[in-house]
């Protein structure tokens, strides 16, 4: 019998800004050699590190973090918020932090932190402890309250690498500008949800894995402005954990079933928790692209 893959806690951040075409989100393309979701277009994020225990934070207590994420372990919930801010900065050069006056930092402060961290790199790797050291030496406090949690996904059991990932939304702070970090990704760009979905559906350079595709579809329905998207995503909290299930034998071929799908093994529990039940709510892989089927509707492209 093969060993059960270990599960690592992780966090990802949907960073938003307003633009003439509507609210845009910052996306990164994972390196083709990445060990997980190589080449996929995703939101900035990554796994918790042992060093994510030394941060100076404000805006939320440990108890508030636990309540937001529906976790008994308040320290873990706090660390997830901390890791989300650290990973966002490492992958997008946006720092959700305040200075000694309580002001959210601007591009000048971020550039100074980046310069320090560049010298702390060990090849392509940046030790998380060095990141925390640089932020603390600058007298900054991580602004946990600038994160809005909205979803919780668990990698399917069939995957060799599994992550227990919390999704957050945040506004790009005024005076900062997200940018590609070539150590973390091969490309980075801003897109509206509609544009990203259309490019994915048309077979373009944007390739959305299931959790990102699912989130983009939610965002497209909320796209009035960035604040409305964040409020809409966060409405109702994170909800129950979404653990997709691989099913080989379906009439349409292999599928990734969401818990609200009646064929998901844990559907009865999901229905009892949420009241949600759909004949089909699953991802199908077609020509190398995922499409979300819900009911009898294919929802891989923008609804607008």
Foldseek 3Di string as FASTA:
>chain_A
DDDFADAFAKEFEFEWAADPVFIKTKWFAADQPDPPNHRAIDGFMDTFDPLLQPAAADDDDLVRLCVQQVHPPSSVSSSNLSRHQVRCCQFWLFHQKAAPVRHGDAAVLSVVLVVQQVVQADVLHGPPNSSRVSCVVRRIHHYSNQWFWFAWEWEARVDNYIYTYTYTYGYRDPRYGTDGDVSGGPDMDMDQLQVLLACLVVVHSHAHDVVRQVLSQLQLVQTPHRVSSRCSRRVPHHFDYWYWYWDADDPQGIKTFTLQAPPDPNVVVVCVRPVRHFVGFIWDQDPNHTWTATRNDTHSHRPD
